[in-house]
Amino acid sequence: MESLPLEKPSPSVVAGVVRASLGPVVEKHFGDECFDELFDLLRQKFEESFSIVDPEETNISLFVLLKRRAF
């Protein structure tokens, strides 16, 4: 079987995948007020960090700590 080369996805694609997978949980728990802003900031952070990531590295770890604001 022939292996296809692994291409590093763009920061926008990674942010979109995270948004699609975690979006409903975040929206349900924190509400939709901060939803777009949160994932826009996440995309910006990915764009900043992708320039220093080794393209041969295939593992990506993501740790996000969210705190609910007091009302």
PDB file of N, CA and C in Angstrom:
ATOM      1  N   MET A   1       0.846  -1.165   0.000  1.00  0.00           N
ATOM      2  CA  MET A   1       0.000   0.000   0.000  1.00  0.00           C
ATOM      3  C   MET A   1       0.898   1.237   0.000  1.00  0.00           C
ATOM      4  N   GLU A   2       0.527   2.209  -0.796  1.00  0.00           N
ATOM      5  CA  GLU A   2       1.301   3.438  -0.900  1.00  0.00           C
ATOM      6  C   GLU A   2       0.820   4.453   0.132  1.00  0.00           C
ATOM      7  N   SER A   3       1.759   5.095   0.788  1.00  0.00           N
ATOM      8  CA  SER A   3       1.412   6.125   1.769  1.00  0.00           C
ATOM      9  C   SER A   3       1.362   7.485   1.091  1.00  0.00           C
ATOM     10  N   LEU A   4       0.375   8.252   1.448  1.00  0.00           N
ATOM     11  CA  LEU A   4       0.275   9.612   0.940  1.00  0.00           C
ATOM     12  C   LEU A   4       1.033  10.541   1.869  1.00  0.00           C
ATOM     13  N   PRO A   5       1.678  11.553   1.311  1.00  0.00           N
ATOM     14  CA  PRO A   5       2.395  12.487   2.186  1.00  0.00           C
ATOM     15  C   PRO A   5       1.418  13.250   3.072  1.00  0.00           C
ATOM     16  N   LEU A   6       1.826  13.461   4.309  1.00  0.00           N
ATOM     17  CA  LEU A   6       0.998  14.182   5.265  1.00  0.00           C
ATOM     18  C   LEU A   6       1.299  15.667   5.153  1.00  0.00           C
ATOM     19  N   GLU A   7       0.307  16.433   4.766  1.00  0.00           N
ATOM     20  CA  GLU A   7       0.490  17.872   4.658  1.00  0.00           C
ATOM     21  C   GLU A   7      -0.033  18.542   5.917  1.00  0.00           C
ATOM     22  N   LYS A   8       0.693  19.540   6.365  1.00  0.00           N
ATOM     23  CA  LYS A   8       0.282  20.276   7.558  1.00  0.00           C
ATOM     24  C   LYS A   8      -0.940  21.120   7.210  1.00  0.00           C
ATOM     25  N   PRO A   9      -2.043  20.953   7.944  1.00  0.00           N
ATOM     26  CA  PRO A   9      -3.240  21.750   7.654  1.00  0.00           C
ATOM     27  C   PRO A   9      -3.025  23.213   8.027  1.00  0.00           C
ATOM     28  N   SER A  10      -3.797  24.068   7.409  1.00  0.00           N
ATOM     29  CA  SER A  10      -3.686  25.495   7.714  1.00  0.00           C
ATOM     30  C   SER A  10      -4.296  25.771   9.086  1.00  0.00           C
ATOM     31  N   PRO A  11      -3.909  26.866   9.715  1.00  0.00           N
ATOM     32  CA  PRO A  11      -4.490  27.229  11.013  1.00  0.00           C
ATOM     33  C   PRO A  11      -6.009  27.379  10.953  1.00  0.00           C
ATOM     34  N   SER A  12      -6.521  27.882   9.846  1.00  0.00           N
ATOM     35  CA  SER A  12      -7.973  28.042   9.710  1.00  0.00           C
ATOM     36  C   SER A  12      -8.685  26.698   9.686  1.00  0.00           C
ATOM     37  N   VAL A  13      -8.072  25.719   9.029  1.00  0.00           N
ATOM     38  CA  VAL A  13      -8.670  24.380   8.974  1.00  0.00           C
ATOM     39  C   VAL A  13      -8.683  23.751  10.364  1.00  0.00           C
ATOM     40  N   VAL A  14      -7.576  23.853  11.082  1.00  0.00           N
ATOM     41  CA  VAL A  14      -7.511  23.281  12.432  1.00  0.00           C
ATOM     42  C   VAL A  14      -8.520  23.960  13.351  1.00  0.00           C
ATOM     43  N   ALA A  15      -8.597  25.285  13.283  1.00  0.00           N
ATOM     44  CA  ALA A  15      -9.569  26.011  14.107  1.00  0.00           C
ATOM     45  C   ALA A  15     -10.994  25.608  13.742  1.00  0.00           C
ATOM     46  N   GLY A  16     -11.252  25.379  12.463  1.00  0.00           N
ATOM     47  CA  GLY A  16     -12.579  24.940  12.032  1.00  0.00           C
ATOM     48  C   GLY A  16     -12.935  23.561  12.560  1.00  0.00           C
ATOM     49  N   VAL A  17     -11.960  22.667  12.579  1.00  0.00           N
ATOM     50  CA  VAL A  17     -12.192  21.318  13.110  1.00  0.00           C
ATOM     51  C   VAL A  17     -12.473  21.381  14.611  1.00  0.00           C
ATOM     52  N   VAL A  18     -11.698  22.180  15.328  1.00  0.00           N
ATOM     53  CA  VAL A  18     -11.923  22.330  16.770  1.00  0.00           C
ATOM     54  C   VAL A  18     -13.286  22.954  17.026  1.00  0.00           C
ATOM     55  N   ARG A  19     -13.636  23.953  16.228  1.00  0.00           N
ATOM     56  CA  ARG A  19     -14.937  24.618  16.391  1.00  0.00           C
ATOM     57  C   ARG A  19     -16.081  23.636  16.124  1.00  0.00           C
ATOM     58  N   ALA A  20     -15.940  22.829  15.087  1.00  0.00           N
ATOM     59  CA  ALA A  20     -16.994  21.870  14.755  1.00  0.00           C
ATOM     60  C   ALA A  20     -17.139  20.792  15.822  1.00  0.00           C
ATOM     61  N   SER A  21     -16.020  20.376  16.413  1.00  0.00           N
ATOM     62  CA  SER A  21     -16.099  19.291  17.390  1.00  0.00           C
ATOM     63  C   SER A  21     -16.446  19.775  18.794  1.00  0.00           C
ATOM     64  N   LEU A  22     -15.908  20.908  19.206  1.00  0.00           N
ATOM     65  CA  LEU A  22     -16.147  21.397  20.564  1.00  0.00           C
ATOM     66  C   LEU A  22     -17.181  22.506  20.646  1.00  0.00           C
ATOM     67  N   GLY A  23     -17.546  23.070  19.514  1.00  0.00           N
ATOM     68  CA  GLY A  23     -18.469  24.199  19.487  1.00  0.00           C
ATOM     69  C   GLY A  23     -19.767  23.986  20.237  1.00  0.00           C
ATOM     70  N   PRO A  24     -20.476  22.889  19.982  1.00  0.00           N
ATOM     71  CA  PRO A  24     -21.743  22.681  20.687  1.00  0.00           C
ATOM     72  C   PRO A  24     -21.590  22.599  22.205  1.00  0.00           C
ATOM     73  N   VAL A  25     -20.512  21.986  22.667  1.00  0.00           N
ATOM     74  CA  VAL A  25     -20.282  21.876  24.112  1.00  0.00           C
ATOM     75  C   VAL A  25     -20.011  23.256  24.708  1.00  0.00           C
ATOM     76  N   VAL A  26     -19.154  24.021  24.048  1.00  0.00           N
ATOM     77  CA  VAL A  26     -18.822  25.367  24.532  1.00  0.00           C
ATOM     78  C   VAL A  26     -20.058  26.251  24.522  1.00  0.00           C
ATOM     79  N   GLU A  27     -20.815  26.185  23.438  1.00  0.00           N
ATOM     80  CA  GLU A  27     -22.008  27.027  23.324  1.00  0.00           C
ATOM     81  C   GLU A  27     -23.053  26.671  24.381  1.00  0.00           C
ATOM     82  N   LYS A  28     -23.225  25.387  24.639  1.00  0.00           N
ATOM     83  CA  LYS A  28     -24.211  24.966  25.634  1.00  0.00           C
ATOM     84  C   LYS A  28     -23.791  25.394  27.040  1.00  0.00           C
ATOM     85  N   HIS A  29     -22.519  25.280  27.338  1.00  0.00           N
ATOM     86  CA  HIS A  29     -22.033  25.556  28.688  1.00  0.00           C
ATOM     87  C   HIS A  29     -21.877  27.050  28.966  1.00  0.00           C
ATOM     88  N   PHE A  30     -21.372  27.793  27.978  1.00  0.00           N
ATOM     89  CA  PHE A  30     -21.052  29.201  28.196  1.00  0.00           C
ATOM     90  C   PHE A  30     -21.994  30.163  27.482  1.00  0.00           C
ATOM     91  N   GLY A  31     -22.832  29.664  26.614  1.00  0.00           N
ATOM     92  CA  GLY A  31     -23.731  30.537  25.861  1.00  0.00           C
ATOM     93  C   GLY A  31     -23.108  30.963  24.545  1.00  0.00           C
ATOM     94  N   ASP A  32     -23.916  31.566  23.693  1.00  0.00           N
ATOM     95  CA  ASP A  32     -23.426  31.918  22.367  1.00  0.00           C
ATOM     96  C   ASP A  32     -22.864  33.335  22.280  1.00  0.00           C
ATOM     97  N   GLU A  33     -22.831  34.066  23.393  1.00  0.00           N
ATOM     98  CA  GLU A  33     -22.333  35.442  23.370  1.00  0.00           C
ATOM     99  C   GLU A  33     -20.846  35.501  23.016  1.00  0.00           C
ATOM    100  N   CYS A  34     -20.064  34.586  23.554  1.00  0.00           N
ATOM    101  CA  CYS A  34     -18.616  34.621  23.352  1.00  0.00           C
ATOM    102  C   CYS A  34     -18.141  33.616  22.306  1.00  0.00           C
ATOM    103  N   PHE A  35     -19.063  32.902  21.701  1.00  0.00           N
ATOM    104  CA  PHE A  35     -18.733  31.784  20.817  1.00  0.00           C
ATOM    105  C   PHE A  35     -17.830  32.204  19.650  1.00  0.00           C
ATOM    106  N   ASP A  36     -18.256  33.177  18.867  1.00  0.00           N
ATOM    107  CA  ASP A  36     -17.480  33.599  17.696  1.00  0.00           C
ATOM    108  C   ASP A  36     -16.143  34.209  18.100  1.00  0.00           C
ATOM    109  N   GLU A  37     -16.155  35.010  19.146  1.00  0.00           N
ATOM    110  CA  GLU A  37     -14.920  35.651  19.605  1.00  0.00           C
ATOM    111  C   GLU A  37     -13.906  34.610  20.071  1.00  0.00           C
ATOM    112  N   LEU A  38     -14.371  33.606  20.799  1.00  0.00           N
ATOM    113  CA  LEU A  38     -13.489  32.560  21.303  1.00  0.00           C
ATOM    114  C   LEU A  38     -12.787  31.829  20.167  1.00  0.00           C
ATOM    115  N   PHE A  39     -13.538  31.404  19.168  1.00  0.00           N
ATOM    116  CA  PHE A  39     -12.931  30.630  18.094  1.00  0.00           C
ATOM    117  C   PHE A  39     -12.130  31.501  17.131  1.00  0.00           C
ATOM    118  N   ASP A  40     -12.420  32.789  17.063  1.00  0.00           N
ATOM    119  CA  ASP A  40     -11.582  33.698  16.290  1.00  0.00           C
ATOM    120  C   ASP A  40     -10.229  33.872  16.981  1.00  0.00           C
ATOM    121  N   LEU A  41     -10.243  34.000  18.308  1.00  0.00           N
ATOM    122  CA  LEU A  41      -8.989  34.082  19.062  1.00  0.00           C
ATOM    123  C   LEU A  41      -8.187  32.787  18.945  1.00  0.00           C
ATOM    124  N   LEU A  42      -8.874  31.661  18.947  1.00  0.00           N
ATOM    125  CA  LEU A  42      -8.209  30.372  18.792  1.00  0.00           C
ATOM    126  C   LEU A  42      -7.524  30.288  17.428  1.00  0.00           C
ATOM    127  N   ARG A  43      -8.206  30.724  16.375  1.00  0.00           N
ATOM    128  CA  ARG A  43      -7.609  30.728  15.038  1.00  0.00           C
ATOM    129  C   ARG A  43      -6.366  31.617  15.007  1.00  0.00           C
ATOM    130  N   GLN A  44      -6.439  32.780  15.648  1.00  0.00           N
ATOM    131  CA  GLN A  44      -5.286  33.684  15.693  1.00  0.00           C
ATOM    132  C   GLN A  44      -4.106  33.039  16.420  1.00  0.00           C
ATOM    133  N   LYS A  45      -4.387  32.344  17.515  1.00  0.00           N
ATOM    134  CA  LYS A  45      -3.319  31.662  18.262  1.00  0.00           C
ATOM    135  C   LYS A  45      -2.692  30.557  17.417  1.00  0.00           C
ATOM    136  N   PHE A  46      -3.524  29.824  16.673  1.00  0.00           N
ATOM    137  CA  PHE A  46      -2.989  28.796  15.781  1.00  0.00           C
ATOM    138  C   PHE A  46      -2.098  29.422  14.712  1.00  0.00           C
ATOM    139  N   GLU A  47      -2.502  30.555  14.159  1.00  0.00           N
ATOM    140  CA  GLU A  47      -1.688  31.218  13.139  1.00  0.00           C
ATOM    141  C   GLU A  47      -0.340  31.647  13.708  1.00  0.00           C
ATOM    142  N   GLU A  48      -0.329  32.130  14.942  1.00  0.00           N
ATOM    143  CA  GLU A  48       0.920  32.536  15.586  1.00  0.00           C
ATOM    144  C   GLU A  48       1.831  31.337  15.847  1.00  0.00           C
ATOM    145  N   SER A  49       1.260  30.245  16.316  1.00  0.00           N
ATOM    146  CA  SER A  49       2.079  29.107  16.730  1.00  0.00           C
ATOM    147  C   SER A  49       2.460  28.189  15.574  1.00  0.00           C
ATOM    148  N   PHE A  50       1.716  28.191  14.484  1.00  0.00           N
ATOM    149  CA  PHE A  50       2.021  27.278  13.387  1.00  0.00           C
ATOM    150  C   PHE A  50       3.346  27.620  12.715  1.00  0.00           C
ATOM    151  N   SER A  51       3.789  28.853  12.811  1.00  0.00           N
ATOM    152  CA  SER A  51       5.049  29.225  12.179  1.00  0.00           C
ATOM    153  C   SER A  51       6.249  28.625  12.910  1.00  0.00           C
ATOM    154  N   ILE A  52       6.078  28.225  14.168  1.00  0.00           N
ATOM    155  CA  ILE A  52       7.194  27.651  14.925  1.00  0.00           C
ATOM    156  C   ILE A  52       7.092  26.140  15.078  1.00  0.00           C
ATOM    157  N   VAL A  53       6.028  25.532  14.563  1.00  0.00           N
ATOM    158  CA  VAL A  53       5.835  24.087  14.681  1.00  0.00           C
ATOM    159  C   VAL A  53       6.616  23.375  13.584  1.00  0.00           C
ATOM    160  N   ASP A  54       7.294  22.314  13.953  1.00  0.00           N
ATOM    161  CA  ASP A  54       8.029  21.496  12.997  1.00  0.00           C
ATOM    162  C   ASP A  54       7.038  20.794  12.072  1.00  0.00           C
ATOM    163  N   PRO A  55       7.172  20.966  10.740  1.00  0.00           N
ATOM    164  CA  PRO A  55       6.220  20.335   9.821  1.00  0.00           C
ATOM    165  C   PRO A  55       6.241  18.812   9.871  1.00  0.00           C
ATOM    166  N   GLU A  56       7.322  18.221  10.383  1.00  0.00           N
ATOM    167  CA  GLU A  56       7.401  16.768  10.505  1.00  0.00           C
ATOM    168  C   GLU A  56       6.648  16.253  11.731  1.00  0.00           C
ATOM    169  N   GLU A  57       6.337  17.122  12.652  1.00  0.00           N
ATOM    170  CA  GLU A  57       5.615  16.736  13.868  1.00  0.00           C
ATOM    171  C   GLU A  57       4.165  16.456  13.513  1.00  0.00           C
ATOM    172  N   THR A  58       3.672  15.291  13.904  1.00  0.00           N
ATOM    173  CA  THR A  58       2.301  14.918  13.556  1.00  0.00           C
ATOM    174  C   THR A  58       1.344  15.014  14.733  1.00  0.00           C
ATOM    175  N   ASN A  59       1.855  15.242  15.926  1.00  0.00           N
ATOM    176  CA  ASN A  59       0.991  15.332  17.099  1.00  0.00           C
ATOM    177  C   ASN A  59       0.749  16.788  17.468  1.00  0.00           C
ATOM    178  N   ILE A  60      -0.495  17.100  17.733  1.00  0.00           N
ATOM    179  CA  ILE A  60      -0.849  18.435  18.191  1.00  0.00           C
ATOM    180  C   ILE A  60      -1.615  18.278  19.490  1.00  0.00           C
ATOM    181  N   SER A  61      -1.165  18.964  20.526  1.00  0.00           N
ATOM    182  CA  SER A  61      -1.867  18.951  21.804  1.00  0.00           C
ATOM    183  C   SER A  61      -2.525  20.302  22.007  1.00  0.00           C
ATOM    184  N   LEU A  62      -3.739  20.260  22.497  1.00  0.00           N
ATOM    185  CA  LEU A  62      -4.484  21.491  22.732  1.00  0.00           C
ATOM    186  C   LEU A  62      -5.027  21.453  24.147  1.00  0.00           C
ATOM    187  N   PHE A  63      -4.705  22.476  24.921  1.00  0.00           N
ATOM    188  CA  PHE A  63      -5.234  22.599  26.273  1.00  0.00           C
ATOM    189  C   PHE A  63      -5.911  23.949  26.372  1.00  0.00           C
ATOM    190  N   VAL A  64      -7.168  23.939  26.710  1.00  0.00           N
ATOM    191  CA  VAL A  64      -7.935  25.175  26.846  1.00  0.00           C
ATOM    192  C   VAL A  64      -8.620  25.141  28.196  1.00  0.00           C
ATOM    193  N   LEU A  65      -8.451  26.202  28.972  1.00  0.00           N
ATOM    194  CA  LEU A  65      -9.121  26.331  30.258  1.00  0.00           C
ATOM    195  C   LEU A  65     -10.124  27.462  30.145  1.00  0.00           C
ATOM    196  N   LEU A  66     -11.375  27.149  30.321  1.00  0.00           N
ATOM    197  CA  LEU A  66     -12.439  28.143  30.230  1.00  0.00           C
ATOM    198  C   LEU A  66     -13.060  28.331  31.603  1.00  0.00           C
ATOM    199  N   LYS A  67     -13.262  29.575  31.979  1.00  0.00           N
ATOM    200  CA  LYS A  67     -13.909  29.882  33.250  1.00  0.00           C
ATOM    201  C   LYS A  67     -15.179  30.651  32.973  1.00  0.00           C
ATOM    202  N   ARG A  68     -16.219  30.253  33.644  1.00  0.00           N
ATOM    203  CA  ARG A  68     -17.487  30.960  33.511  1.00  0.00           C
ATOM    204  C   ARG A  68     -17.395  32.258  34.297  1.00  0.00           C
ATOM    205  N   ARG A  69     -17.841  33.337  33.694  1.00  0.00           N
ATOM    206  CA  ARG A  69     -17.852  34.625  34.383  1.00  0.00           C
ATOM    207  C   ARG A  69     -18.959  34.660  35.423  1.00  0.00           C
ATOM    208  N   ALA A  70     -18.680  35.345  36.520  1.00  0.00           N
ATOM    209  CA  ALA A  70     -19.708  35.516  37.551  1.00  0.00           C
ATOM    210  C   ALA A  70     -20.745  36.513  37.046  1.00  0.00           C
ATOM    211  N   PHE A  71     -21.981  36.247  37.344  1.00  0.00           N
ATOM    212  CA  PHE A  71     -23.055  37.131  36.868  1.00  0.00           C
ATOM    213  C   PHE A  71     -23.334  38.220  37.847  1.00  0.00           C
TER     214      PHE A  71
END
